[in-house]
């Protein structure tokens, strides 16, 4: 059992959910991003969104590895910063496009 933090763009929300489910079924502890959105009930300020980003980096810090959900090899600015944050912490970085090829996650 590993602690895995998933990183990825809001554009890949559906894939992130699928990856989280698969990894959880495989008996891992999976930490996912909180997807900031605005609607009638929830309006996040810029500061709140930044706080969520800092919390996500703390998730990376306590993880064994990160899985980067890079659909069509897309990595946005926030995800790139999360990858750079993980590197000096010696976290294993696994890319969705790579594991998808091996049929690990469908």
PDB file of N, CA and C in Angstrom:
ATOM      1  N   UNK A   1       0.855  -1.181   0.000  1.00  0.00           N
ATOM      2  CA  UNK A   1       0.000   0.000   0.000  1.00  0.00           C
ATOM      3  C   UNK A   1       0.893   1.233   0.000  1.00  0.00           C
ATOM      4  N   UNK A   2       0.572   2.140  -0.898  1.00  0.00           N
ATOM      5  CA  UNK A   2       1.309   3.392  -1.028  1.00  0.00           C
ATOM      6  C   UNK A   2       0.365   4.567  -0.819  1.00  0.00           C
ATOM      7  N   UNK A   3       0.944   5.694  -0.455  1.00  0.00           N
ATOM      8  CA  UNK A   3       0.203   6.955  -0.434  1.00  0.00           C
ATOM      9  C   UNK A   3       0.568   7.658  -1.734  1.00  0.00           C
ATOM     10  N   UNK A   4      -0.459   7.923  -2.536  1.00  0.00           N
ATOM     11  CA  UNK A   4      -0.252   8.488  -3.868  1.00  0.00           C
ATOM     12  C   UNK A   4      -1.060   9.777  -3.998  1.00  0.00           C
ATOM     13  N   UNK A   5      -0.395  10.824  -4.445  1.00  0.00           N
ATOM     14  CA  UNK A   5      -1.091  12.074  -4.747  1.00  0.00           C
ATOM     15  C   UNK A   5      -1.230  12.186  -6.255  1.00  0.00           C
ATOM     16  N   UNK A   6      -2.441  12.474  -6.683  1.00  0.00           N
ATOM     17  CA  UNK A   6      -2.701  12.666  -8.108  1.00  0.00           C
ATOM     18  C   UNK A   6      -2.599  14.148  -8.425  1.00  0.00           C
ATOM     19  N   UNK A   7      -1.891  14.449  -9.507  1.00  0.00           N
ATOM     20  CA  UNK A   7      -1.743  15.818  -9.981  1.00  0.00           C
ATOM     21  C   UNK A   7      -2.263  15.881 -11.412  1.00  0.00           C
ATOM     22  N   UNK A   8      -2.873  16.988 -11.771  1.00  0.00           N
ATOM     23  CA  UNK A   8      -3.357  17.134 -13.135  1.00  0.00           C
ATOM     24  C   UNK A   8      -4.244  18.349 -13.289  1.00  0.00           C
ATOM     25  N   UNK A   9      -4.507  18.655 -14.513  1.00  0.00           N
ATOM     26  CA  UNK A   9      -5.312  19.812 -14.888  1.00  0.00           C
ATOM     27  C   UNK A   9      -6.798  19.555 -14.662  1.00  0.00           C
ATOM     28  N   UNK A  10      -7.532  20.624 -14.419  1.00  0.00           N
ATOM     29  CA  UNK A  10      -8.995  20.523 -14.345  1.00  0.00           C
ATOM     30  C   UNK A  10      -9.573  19.936 -15.627  1.00  0.00           C
ATOM     31  N   UNK A  11      -8.857  20.121 -16.728  1.00  0.00           N
ATOM     32  CA  UNK A  11      -9.303  19.578 -18.014  1.00  0.00           C
ATOM     33  C   UNK A  11      -9.374  18.054 -17.975  1.00  0.00           C
ATOM     34  N   UNK A  12      -8.627  17.450 -17.049  1.00  0.00           N
ATOM     35  CA  UNK A  12      -8.555  15.986 -16.963  1.00  0.00           C
ATOM     36  C   UNK A  12      -9.339  15.442 -15.767  1.00  0.00           C
ATOM     37  N   UNK A  13     -10.316  16.191 -15.309  1.00  0.00           N
ATOM     38  CA  UNK A  13     -11.063  15.821 -14.099  1.00  0.00           C
ATOM     39  C   UNK A  13     -11.635  14.399 -14.178  1.00  0.00           C
ATOM     40  N   UNK A  14     -12.235  14.049 -15.291  1.00  0.00           N
ATOM     41  CA  UNK A  14     -12.836  12.714 -15.441  1.00  0.00           C
ATOM     42  C   UNK A  14     -11.766  11.639 -15.339  1.00  0.00           C
ATOM     43  N   UNK A  15     -10.635  11.844 -16.005  1.00  0.00           N
ATOM     44  CA  UNK A  15      -9.552  10.865 -15.956  1.00  0.00           C
ATOM     45  C   UNK A  15      -8.960  10.774 -14.555  1.00  0.00           C
ATOM     46  N   UNK A  16      -8.838  11.916 -13.875  1.00  0.00           N
ATOM     47  CA  UNK A  16      -8.315  11.920 -12.506  1.00  0.00           C
ATOM     48  C   UNK A  16      -9.200  11.062 -11.605  1.00  0.00           C
ATOM     49  N   UNK A  17     -10.495  11.185 -11.743  1.00  0.00           N
ATOM     50  CA  UNK A  17     -11.424  10.390 -10.937  1.00  0.00           C
ATOM     51  C   UNK A  17     -11.253   8.900 -11.249  1.00  0.00           C
ATOM     52  N   UNK A  18     -11.109   8.550 -12.523  1.00  0.00           N
ATOM     53  CA  UNK A  18     -10.916   7.145 -12.910  1.00  0.00           C
ATOM     54  C   UNK A  18      -9.612   6.588 -12.340  1.00  0.00           C
ATOM     55  N   UNK A  19      -8.546   7.373 -12.432  1.00  0.00           N
ATOM     56  CA  UNK A  19      -7.247   6.943 -11.915  1.00  0.00           C
ATOM     57  C   UNK A  19      -7.333   6.767 -10.394  1.00  0.00           C
ATOM     58  N   UNK A  20      -7.959   7.705  -9.713  1.00  0.00           N
ATOM     59  CA  UNK A  20      -8.094   7.614  -8.254  1.00  0.00           C
ATOM     60  C   UNK A  20      -8.853   6.354  -7.847  1.00  0.00           C
ATOM     61  N   UNK A  21      -9.909   6.052  -8.563  1.00  0.00           N
ATOM     62  CA  UNK A  21     -10.693   4.853  -8.272  1.00  0.00           C
ATOM     63  C   UNK A  21      -9.857   3.591  -8.464  1.00  0.00           C
ATOM     64  N   UNK A  22      -9.167   3.508  -9.597  1.00  0.00           N
ATOM     65  CA  UNK A  22      -8.339   2.328  -9.891  1.00  0.00           C
ATOM     66  C   UNK A  22      -7.253   2.144  -8.832  1.00  0.00           C
ATOM     67  N   UNK A  23      -6.557   3.226  -8.498  1.00  0.00           N
ATOM     68  CA  UNK A  23      -5.492   3.142  -7.501  1.00  0.00           C
ATOM     69  C   UNK A  23      -6.035   2.786  -6.127  1.00  0.00           C
ATOM     70  N   UNK A  24      -7.222   3.276  -5.795  1.00  0.00           N
ATOM     71  CA  UNK A  24      -7.858   2.944  -4.509  1.00  0.00           C
ATOM     72  C   UNK A  24      -8.257   1.475  -4.467  1.00  0.00           C
ATOM     73  N   UNK A  25      -8.824   0.982  -5.548  1.00  0.00           N
ATOM     74  CA  UNK A  25      -9.198  -0.435  -5.622  1.00  0.00           C
ATOM     75  C   UNK A  25      -7.958  -1.315  -5.469  1.00  0.00           C
ATOM     76  N   UNK A  26      -6.820  -0.818  -5.943  1.00  0.00           N
ATOM     77  CA  UNK A  26      -5.561  -1.551  -5.820  1.00  0.00           C
ATOM     78  C   UNK A  26      -4.924  -1.365  -4.435  1.00  0.00           C
ATOM     79  N   UNK A  27      -5.716  -0.882  -3.485  1.00  0.00           N
ATOM     80  CA  UNK A  27      -5.329  -0.759  -2.070  1.00  0.00           C
ATOM     81  C   UNK A  27      -4.274   0.300  -1.794  1.00  0.00           C
ATOM     82  N   UNK A  28      -4.384   1.409  -2.463  1.00  0.00           N
ATOM     83  CA  UNK A  28      -3.517   2.552  -2.184  1.00  0.00           C
ATOM     84  C   UNK A  28      -4.334   3.633  -1.503  1.00  0.00           C
ATOM     85  N   UNK A  29      -3.656   4.475  -0.771  1.00  0.00           N
ATOM     86  CA  UNK A  29      -4.278   5.669  -0.207  1.00  0.00           C
ATOM     87  C   UNK A  29      -4.071   6.765  -1.242  1.00  0.00           C
ATOM     88  N   UNK A  30      -5.160   7.301  -1.764  1.00  0.00           N
ATOM     89  CA  UNK A  30      -5.074   8.240  -2.880  1.00  0.00           C
ATOM     90  C   UNK A  30      -5.545   9.623  -2.443  1.00  0.00           C
ATOM     91  N   UNK A  31      -4.688  10.594  -2.673  1.00  0.00           N
ATOM     92  CA  UNK A  31      -4.993  11.992  -2.378  1.00  0.00           C
ATOM     93  C   UNK A  31      -5.188  12.724  -3.697  1.00  0.00           C
ATOM     94  N   UNK A  32      -6.311  13.382  -3.825  1.00  0.00           N
ATOM     95  CA  UNK A  32      -6.633  14.041  -5.092  1.00  0.00           C
ATOM     96  C   UNK A  32      -6.686  15.550  -4.909  1.00  0.00           C
ATOM     97  N   UNK A  33      -6.600  16.273  -6.020  1.00  0.00           N
ATOM     98  CA  UNK A  33      -6.773  17.722  -5.930  1.00  0.00           C
ATOM     99  C   UNK A  33      -8.224  18.060  -5.600  1.00  0.00           C
ATOM    100  N   UNK A  34      -8.404  19.192  -4.982  1.00  0.00           N
ATOM    101  CA  UNK A  34      -9.741  19.762  -4.806  1.00  0.00           C
ATOM    102  C   UNK A  34      -9.958  20.638  -6.028  1.00  0.00           C
ATOM    103  N   UNK A  35     -11.022  20.386  -6.740  1.00  0.00           N
ATOM    104  CA  UNK A  35     -11.268  21.123  -7.963  1.00  0.00           C
ATOM    105  C   UNK A  35     -12.027  22.403  -7.650  1.00  0.00           C
ATOM    106  N   UNK A  36     -11.332  23.542  -7.680  1.00  0.00           N
ATOM    107  CA  UNK A  36     -12.035  24.789  -7.387  1.00  0.00           C
ATOM    108  C   UNK A  36     -13.028  25.133  -8.492  1.00  0.00           C
ATOM    109  N   UNK A  37     -14.207  25.492  -8.090  1.00  0.00           N
ATOM    110  CA  UNK A  37     -15.211  25.907  -9.053  1.00  0.00           C
ATOM    111  C   UNK A  37     -16.098  26.942  -8.389  1.00  0.00           C
ATOM    112  N   UNK A  38     -16.763  27.685  -9.195  1.00  0.00           N
ATOM    113  CA  UNK A  38     -17.679  28.698  -8.682  1.00  0.00           C
ATOM    114  C   UNK A  38     -19.076  28.397  -9.189  1.00  0.00           C
ATOM    115  N   UNK A  39     -20.012  28.392  -8.273  1.00  0.00           N
ATOM    116  CA  UNK A  39     -21.418  28.269  -8.627  1.00  0.00           C
ATOM    117  C   UNK A  39     -22.212  29.084  -7.620  1.00  0.00           C
ATOM    118  N   UNK A  40     -23.480  28.890  -7.590  1.00  0.00           N
ATOM    119  CA  UNK A  40     -24.325  29.679  -6.689  1.00  0.00           C
ATOM    120  C   UNK A  40     -23.972  29.477  -5.221  1.00  0.00           C
ATOM    121  N   UNK A  41     -23.580  28.250  -4.869  1.00  0.00           N
ATOM    122  CA  UNK A  41     -23.341  27.924  -3.470  1.00  0.00           C
ATOM    123  C   UNK A  41     -21.904  28.129  -3.020  1.00  0.00           C
ATOM    124  N   UNK A  42     -20.957  28.009  -3.946  1.00  0.00           N
ATOM    125  CA  UNK A  42     -19.547  28.092  -3.584  1.00  0.00           C
ATOM    126  C   UNK A  42     -18.854  29.099  -4.485  1.00  0.00           C
ATOM    127  N   UNK A  43     -18.334  30.131  -3.893  1.00  0.00           N
ATOM    128  CA  UNK A  43     -17.530  31.112  -4.617  1.00  0.00           C
ATOM    129  C   UNK A  43     -16.184  31.191  -3.926  1.00  0.00           C
ATOM    130  N   UNK A  44     -15.143  30.693  -4.598  1.00  0.00           N
ATOM    131  CA  UNK A  44     -13.808  30.711  -4.024  1.00  0.00           C
ATOM    132  C   UNK A  44     -13.087  31.983  -4.435  1.00  0.00           C
ATOM    133  N   UNK A  45     -12.412  32.580  -3.469  1.00  0.00           N
ATOM    134  CA  UNK A  45     -11.599  33.745  -3.769  1.00  0.00           C
ATOM    135  C   UNK A  45     -10.255  33.279  -4.323  1.00  0.00           C
ATOM    136  N   UNK A  46      -9.510  34.197  -4.868  1.00  0.00           N
ATOM    137  CA  UNK A  46      -8.169  33.882  -5.375  1.00  0.00           C
ATOM    138  C   UNK A  46      -7.301  33.347  -4.235  1.00  0.00           C
ATOM    139  N   UNK A  47      -7.443  33.928  -3.068  1.00  0.00           N
ATOM    140  CA  UNK A  47      -6.670  33.503  -1.900  1.00  0.00           C
ATOM    141  C   UNK A  47      -7.032  32.075  -1.492  1.00  0.00           C
ATOM    142  N   UNK A  48      -8.311  31.736  -1.559  1.00  0.00           N
ATOM    143  CA  UNK A  48      -8.734  30.379  -1.216  1.00  0.00           C
ATOM    144  C   UNK A  48      -8.187  29.358  -2.216  1.00  0.00           C
ATOM    145  N   UNK A  49      -8.186  29.716  -3.480  1.00  0.00           N
ATOM    146  CA  UNK A  49      -7.632  28.834  -4.504  1.00  0.00           C
ATOM    147  C   UNK A  49      -6.134  28.636  -4.244  1.00  0.00           C
ATOM    148  N   UNK A  50      -5.430  29.694  -3.868  1.00  0.00           N
ATOM    149  CA  UNK A  50      -4.005  29.589  -3.550  1.00  0.00           C
ATOM    150  C   UNK A  50      -3.784  28.688  -2.330  1.00  0.00           C
ATOM    151  N   UNK A  51      -4.648  28.804  -1.325  1.00  0.00           N
ATOM    152  CA  UNK A  51      -4.552  27.936  -0.149  1.00  0.00           C
ATOM    153  C   UNK A  51      -4.715  26.476  -0.539  1.00  0.00           C
ATOM    154  N   UNK A  52      -5.660  26.209  -1.432  1.00  0.00           N
ATOM    155  CA  UNK A  52      -5.860  24.832  -1.893  1.00  0.00           C
ATOM    156  C   UNK A  52      -4.617  24.310  -2.610  1.00  0.00           C
ATOM    157  N   UNK A  53      -3.950  25.171  -3.350  1.00  0.00           N
ATOM    158  CA  UNK A  53      -2.710  24.785  -4.023  1.00  0.00           C
ATOM    159  C   UNK A  53      -1.612  24.438  -3.030  1.00  0.00           C
ATOM    160  N   UNK A  54      -1.519  25.216  -1.960  1.00  0.00           N
ATOM    161  CA  UNK A  54      -0.517  24.936  -0.922  1.00  0.00           C
ATOM    162  C   UNK A  54      -0.833  23.629  -0.200  1.00  0.00           C
ATOM    163  N   UNK A  55      -2.096  23.398   0.050  1.00  0.00           N
ATOM    164  CA  UNK A  55      -2.504  22.141   0.700  1.00  0.00           C
ATOM    165  C   UNK A  55      -2.155  20.960  -0.206  1.00  0.00           C
ATOM    166  N   UNK A  56      -2.364  21.129  -1.512  1.00  0.00           N
ATOM    167  CA  UNK A  56      -2.050  20.037  -2.437  1.00  0.00           C
ATOM    168  C   UNK A  56      -0.554  19.711  -2.389  1.00  0.00           C
ATOM    169  N   UNK A  57       0.276  20.721  -2.258  1.00  0.00           N
ATOM    170  CA  UNK A  57       1.716  20.468  -2.147  1.00  0.00           C
ATOM    171  C   UNK A  57       2.043  19.734  -0.848  1.00  0.00           C
ATOM    172  N   UNK A  58       1.292  19.990   0.200  1.00  0.00           N
ATOM    173  CA  UNK A  58       1.492  19.231   1.439  1.00  0.00           C
ATOM    174  C   UNK A  58       1.101  17.768   1.243  1.00  0.00           C
ATOM    175  N   UNK A  59       0.094  17.519   0.430  1.00  0.00           N
ATOM    176  CA  UNK A  59      -0.275  16.141   0.099  1.00  0.00           C
ATOM    177  C   UNK A  59       0.892  15.447  -0.602  1.00  0.00           C
ATOM    178  N   UNK A  60       1.538  16.169  -1.515  1.00  0.00           N
ATOM    179  CA  UNK A  60       2.700  15.623  -2.213  1.00  0.00           C
ATOM    180  C   UNK A  60       3.795  15.283  -1.207  1.00  0.00           C
ATOM    181  N   UNK A  61       3.993  16.169  -0.258  1.00  0.00           N
ATOM    182  CA  UNK A  61       5.051  15.990   0.738  1.00  0.00           C
ATOM    183  C   UNK A  61       4.878  14.699   1.536  1.00  0.00           C
ATOM    184  N   UNK A  62       3.646  14.329   1.861  1.00  0.00           N
ATOM    185  CA  UNK A  62       3.417  13.126   2.679  1.00  0.00           C
ATOM    186  C   UNK A  62       3.245  11.858   1.831  1.00  0.00           C
ATOM    187  N   UNK A  63       3.298  11.998   0.522  1.00  0.00           N
ATOM    188  CA  UNK A  63       3.074  10.868  -0.380  1.00  0.00           C
ATOM    189  C   UNK A  63       4.361  10.101  -0.667  1.00  0.00           C
ATOM    190  N   UNK A  64       4.161   8.847  -1.079  1.00  0.00           N
ATOM    191  CA  UNK A  64       5.282   8.043  -1.574  1.00  0.00           C
ATOM    192  C   UNK A  64       5.620   8.433  -3.006  1.00  0.00           C
ATOM    193  N   UNK A  65       4.593   8.802  -3.766  1.00  0.00           N
ATOM    194  CA  UNK A  65       4.802   9.161  -5.167  1.00  0.00           C
ATOM    195  C   UNK A  65       3.641  10.025  -5.640  1.00  0.00           C
ATOM    196  N   UNK A  66       3.818  10.574  -6.841  1.00  0.00           N
ATOM    197  CA  UNK A  66       2.718  11.299  -7.471  1.00  0.00           C
ATOM    198  C   UNK A  66       2.413  10.633  -8.807  1.00  0.00           C
ATOM    199  N   UNK A  67       1.155  10.695  -9.186  1.00  0.00           N
ATOM    200  CA  UNK A  67       0.731  10.270 -10.517  1.00  0.00           C
ATOM    201  C   UNK A  67       0.247  11.526 -11.225  1.00  0.00           C
ATOM    202  N   UNK A  68       0.892  11.827 -12.329  1.00  0.00           N
ATOM    203  CA  UNK A  68       0.553  13.008 -13.119  1.00  0.00           C
ATOM    204  C   UNK A  68      -0.398  12.565 -14.225  1.00  0.00           C
ATOM    205  N   UNK A  69      -1.636  13.039 -14.154  1.00  0.00           N
ATOM    206  CA  UNK A  69      -2.624  12.702 -15.177  1.00  0.00           C
ATOM    207  C   UNK A  69      -2.452  13.713 -16.308  1.00  0.00           C
ATOM    208  N   UNK A  70      -1.647  13.308 -17.279  1.00  0.00           N
ATOM    209  CA  UNK A  70      -1.274  14.174 -18.404  1.00  0.00           C
ATOM    210  C   UNK A  70      -1.928  13.681 -19.688  1.00  0.00           C
ATOM    211  N   UNK A  71      -3.231  13.825 -19.756  1.00  0.00           N
ATOM    212  CA  UNK A  71      -3.988  13.386 -20.927  1.00  0.00           C
ATOM    213  C   UNK A  71      -3.466  14.128 -22.163  1.00  0.00           C
ATOM    214  N   UNK A  72      -3.209  13.365 -23.225  1.00  0.00           N
ATOM    215  CA  UNK A  72      -2.622  13.918 -24.457  1.00  0.00           C
ATOM    216  C   UNK A  72      -1.318  14.670 -24.174  1.00  0.00           C
ATOM    217  N   UNK A  73      -0.607  14.210 -23.136  1.00  0.00           N
ATOM    218  CA  UNK A  73       0.671  14.788 -22.700  1.00  0.00           C
ATOM    219  C   UNK A  73       0.566  16.247 -22.256  1.00  0.00           C
ATOM    220  N   UNK A  74      -0.642  16.711 -21.917  1.00  0.00           N
ATOM    221  CA  UNK A  74      -0.816  18.091 -21.459  1.00  0.00           C
ATOM    222  C   UNK A  74      -0.437  18.212 -19.985  1.00  0.00           C
ATOM    223  N   UNK A  75       0.443  19.148 -19.691  1.00  0.00           N
ATOM    224  CA  UNK A  75       0.808  19.490 -18.315  1.00  0.00           C
ATOM    225  C   UNK A  75       0.733  21.002 -18.201  1.00  0.00           C
ATOM    226  N   UNK A  76      -0.183  21.472 -17.375  1.00  0.00           N
ATOM    227  CA  UNK A  76      -0.361  22.906 -17.177  1.00  0.00           C
ATOM    228  C   UNK A  76       0.634  23.482 -16.185  1.00  0.00           C
ATOM    229  N   UNK A  77       0.534  24.772 -15.989  1.00  0.00           N
ATOM    230  CA  UNK A  77       1.466  25.511 -15.130  1.00  0.00           C
ATOM    231  C   UNK A  77       1.446  24.997 -13.681  1.00  0.00           C
ATOM    232  N   UNK A  78       0.266  24.802 -13.114  1.00  0.00           N
ATOM    233  CA  UNK A  78       0.161  24.336 -11.723  1.00  0.00           C
ATOM    234  C   UNK A  78       0.717  22.925 -11.572  1.00  0.00           C
ATOM    235  N   UNK A  79       0.367  22.064 -12.513  1.00  0.00           N
ATOM    236  CA  UNK A  79       0.851  20.683 -12.459  1.00  0.00           C
ATOM    237  C   UNK A  79       2.373  20.659 -12.611  1.00  0.00           C
ATOM    238  N   UNK A  80       2.901  21.480 -13.499  1.00  0.00           N
ATOM    239  CA  UNK A  80       4.358  21.560 -13.673  1.00  0.00           C
ATOM    240  C   UNK A  80       5.027  21.985 -12.368  1.00  0.00           C
ATOM    241  N   UNK A  81       4.414  22.930 -11.654  1.00  0.00           N
ATOM    242  CA  UNK A  81       5.001  23.374 -10.384  1.00  0.00           C
ATOM    243  C   UNK A  81       4.926  22.266  -9.330  1.00  0.00           C
ATOM    244  N   UNK A  82       3.895  21.443  -9.387  1.00  0.00           N
ATOM    245  CA  UNK A  82       3.778  20.311  -8.461  1.00  0.00           C
ATOM    246  C   UNK A  82       4.847  19.259  -8.755  1.00  0.00           C
ATOM    247  N   UNK A  83       5.121  19.031 -10.015  1.00  0.00           N
ATOM    248  CA  UNK A  83       6.180  18.088 -10.403  1.00  0.00           C
ATOM    249  C   UNK A  83       7.524  18.610  -9.894  1.00  0.00           C
ATOM    250  N   UNK A  84       7.781  19.882 -10.103  1.00  0.00           N
ATOM    251  CA  UNK A  84       9.040  20.480  -9.641  1.00  0.00           C
ATOM    252  C   UNK A  84       9.139  20.443  -8.119  1.00  0.00           C
ATOM    253  N   UNK A  85       8.016  20.570  -7.427  1.00  0.00           N
ATOM    254  CA  UNK A  85       7.997  20.477  -5.962  1.00  0.00           C
ATOM    255  C   UNK A  85       8.354  19.056  -5.514  1.00  0.00           C
ATOM    256  N   UNK A  86       7.871  18.056  -6.238  1.00  0.00           N
ATOM    257  CA  UNK A  86       8.088  16.653  -5.870  1.00  0.00           C
ATOM    258  C   UNK A  86       9.528  16.192  -6.095  1.00  0.00           C
ATOM    259  N   UNK A  87      10.185  16.736  -7.086  1.00  0.00           N
ATOM    260  CA  UNK A  87      11.534  16.266  -7.451  1.00  0.00           C
ATOM    261  C   UNK A  87      12.541  16.351  -6.305  1.00  0.00           C
ATOM    262  N   UNK A  88      12.737  17.519  -5.669  1.00  0.00           N
ATOM    263  CA  UNK A  88      13.741  17.570  -4.598  1.00  0.00           C
ATOM    264  C   UNK A  88      13.339  16.767  -3.354  1.00  0.00           C
ATOM    265  N   UNK A  89      12.070  16.407  -3.274  1.00  0.00           N
ATOM    266  CA  UNK A  89      11.604  15.551  -2.180  1.00  0.00           C
ATOM    267  C   UNK A  89      11.834  14.073  -2.495  1.00  0.00           C
ATOM    268  N   UNK A  90      12.421  13.815  -3.667  1.00  0.00           N
ATOM    269  CA  UNK A  90      12.708  12.451  -4.135  1.00  0.00           C
ATOM    270  C   UNK A  90      11.462  11.591  -4.229  1.00  0.00           C
ATOM    271  N   UNK A  91      10.359  12.202  -4.642  1.00  0.00           N
ATOM    272  CA  UNK A  91       9.120  11.452  -4.850  1.00  0.00           C
ATOM    273  C   UNK A  91       9.162  10.821  -6.236  1.00  0.00           C
ATOM    274  N   UNK A  92       8.736   9.592  -6.310  1.00  0.00           N
ATOM    275  CA  UNK A  92       8.631   8.943  -7.612  1.00  0.00           C
ATOM    276  C   UNK A  92       7.529   9.658  -8.392  1.00  0.00           C
ATOM    277  N   UNK A  93       7.778   9.911  -9.657  1.00  0.00           N
ATOM    278  CA  UNK A  93       6.814  10.605 -10.509  1.00  0.00           C
ATOM    279  C   UNK A  93       6.393   9.647 -11.616  1.00  0.00           C
ATOM    280  N   UNK A  94       5.106   9.342 -11.640  1.00  0.00           N
ATOM    281  CA  UNK A  94       4.555   8.415 -12.621  1.00  0.00           C
ATOM    282  C   UNK A  94       3.600   9.199 -13.516  1.00  0.00           C
ATOM    283  N   UNK A  95       3.771   9.039 -14.825  1.00  0.00           N
ATOM    284  CA  UNK A  95       2.930   9.766 -15.770  1.00  0.00           C
ATOM    285  C   UNK A  95       1.827   8.860 -16.302  1.00  0.00           C
ATOM    286  N   UNK A  96       0.610   9.365 -16.266  1.00  0.00           N
ATOM    287  CA  UNK A  96      -0.577   8.648 -16.726  1.00  0.00           C
ATOM    288  C   UNK A  96      -0.393   8.101 -18.136  1.00  0.00           C
ATOM    289  N   UNK A  97       0.142   8.905 -19.043  1.00  0.00           N
ATOM    290  CA  UNK A  97       0.320   8.455 -20.429  1.00  0.00           C
ATOM    291  C   UNK A  97       1.203   7.215 -20.486  1.00  0.00           C
ATOM    292  N   UNK A  98       2.194   7.127 -19.591  1.00  0.00           N
ATOM    293  CA  UNK A  98       3.090   5.964 -19.570  1.00  0.00           C
ATOM    294  C   UNK A  98       2.387   4.729 -19.017  1.00  0.00           C
ATOM    295  N   UNK A  99       1.662   4.890 -17.913  1.00  0.00           N
ATOM    296  CA  UNK A  99       1.015   3.714 -17.321  1.00  0.00           C
ATOM    297  C   UNK A  99      -0.203   3.291 -18.135  1.00  0.00           C
ATOM    298  N   UNK A 100      -0.804   4.221 -18.830  1.00  0.00           N
ATOM    299  CA  UNK A 100      -1.938   3.878 -19.683  1.00  0.00           C
ATOM    300  C   UNK A 100      -1.503   2.938 -20.796  1.00  0.00           C
ATOM    301  N   UNK A 101      -0.302   3.154 -21.315  1.00  0.00           N
ATOM    302  CA  UNK A 101       0.233   2.303 -22.383  1.00  0.00           C
ATOM    303  C   UNK A 101       0.413   0.863 -21.917  1.00  0.00           C
ATOM    304  N   UNK A 102       0.697   0.694 -20.637  1.00  0.00           N
ATOM    305  CA  UNK A 102       0.918  -0.658 -20.113  1.00  0.00           C
ATOM    306  C   UNK A 102      -0.370  -1.301 -19.619  1.00  0.00           C
ATOM    307  N   UNK A 103      -1.500  -0.637 -19.852  1.00  0.00           N
ATOM    308  CA  UNK A 103      -2.818  -1.105 -19.445  1.00  0.00           C
ATOM    309  C   UNK A 103      -2.988  -1.163 -17.929  1.00  0.00           C
ATOM    310  N   UNK A 104      -2.118  -0.505 -17.187  1.00  0.00           N
ATOM    311  CA  UNK A 104      -2.261  -0.476 -15.736  1.00  0.00           C
ATOM    312  C   UNK A 104      -3.558   0.219 -15.338  1.00  0.00           C
ATOM    313  N   UNK A 105      -3.837   1.292 -16.038  1.00  0.00           N
ATOM    314  CA  UNK A 105      -5.081   2.034 -15.778  1.00  0.00           C
ATOM    315  C   UNK A 105      -5.812   2.147 -17.102  1.00  0.00           C
ATOM    316  N   UNK A 106      -7.058   1.739 -17.096  1.00  0.00           N
ATOM    317  CA  UNK A 106      -7.860   1.807 -18.330  1.00  0.00           C
ATOM    318  C   UNK A 106      -8.938   2.835 -18.186  1.00  0.00           C
TER     319      UNK A 106
END
